[in-house]
Amino acid sequence: MLDVVHVIGASGRSGAALCRALTTRGTRVVPIIRNGARYAAAFPDASVGSGFEAPRIADLTGPVSALISVLADATVIVCTAHARNIPALVAAAPKAARLICLGSTRKFTRWPDAHGNGVLKGERALFASGRDSVILHPTMIYGAQGEDNVQRLAALLSRLPVVPLPAGGRALVQPIHQDDVTASLLAAIDRQWVGPHAVVIAGPVAVAYRDFVALVARAAGIPSRFVLALPGSVLMAAAVATAWLPKCPSVGPDEIRRLLEDKNFDIWPMIDQLSVVPRSLETGLGQLFLGR
């Protein structure tokens, strides 16, 4: 087990969860952050004695020379910041350091956007570097402290008498629990990668989005809602109005469009290379809403 790991994006959701897991198992963390106030809010009790080194401030979009200084003593670096920042990481990290990066399955979308294109850019840079490294591509992550995927959906369900879904919500989704993302990152840290690799991490099985909605409602104690099938174009136009509805979580047209494509993945590489078997959606939602 490693003595110390540098974590870029330590105050983000996945970064914070990873830092807590690392310190729990006795690994010291060097937090690399951009916002000191956000870090203090995420770790109010963090101290050198609790397994955290003093945080280091770095802007991945700033001069590479500053990042080189921050990472000079790193042997293993985990980047939980957006994958668009990987080119800067590759340029700044010590040549012998292993790199573990977090990407996204948004790279597979049929409708490219800045998020997905940034992931593709980062992955290309990692592979072009030839470094001992891996980029993990999670599907929708739920169960993190402060996450706004499942929680926002539950808030919507509590306010809607029916659930309007494009094409009736038949497209597939395969969400992964934050704890399984953390377990995958820990396994990636412990593995001696040779050259660059990419691994998709996801829940155990894909489900239709309408079934996902029903499972969220059940776990949150919300009565089941009738699913109203509508054309995607109608819902994308209506989504704009959610920004003006009081106490209603907003939904963007791009989010509606992404509900029209299947997001299902083979998790055998995840199990084979990381030895992580993800929990079922029912179990993960029960942990999120019922604490069981």
Foldseek 3Di string as FASTA:
>chain_A
DEQEEEEEPCLDQLNVVLCVVCLVVRHAYAYEYADPVSNCVSCVPDDVVSRYDPYHYDDLVDDLVSVLVSQVPHQEYEYAPELLSQLSVLVRHDQNHEYEYEYAPLLVDPDDDPSNVSRVNSLVSQQVSQGQYEYEHEYAEDATVPDCDLVLLLLQLQPDQAAEAEQQQQAKGFYFYSVLVSLLSVLRRPDRGRTYYYAYDTADWIDRRLVVSQLSCVLQVHPDHHYHYDHLVVVQVVLVCQVVDPSHDGDHSVNRVRSVHHDTDDRPCSCVRRVGHTDHPNVSSNCRRVVD
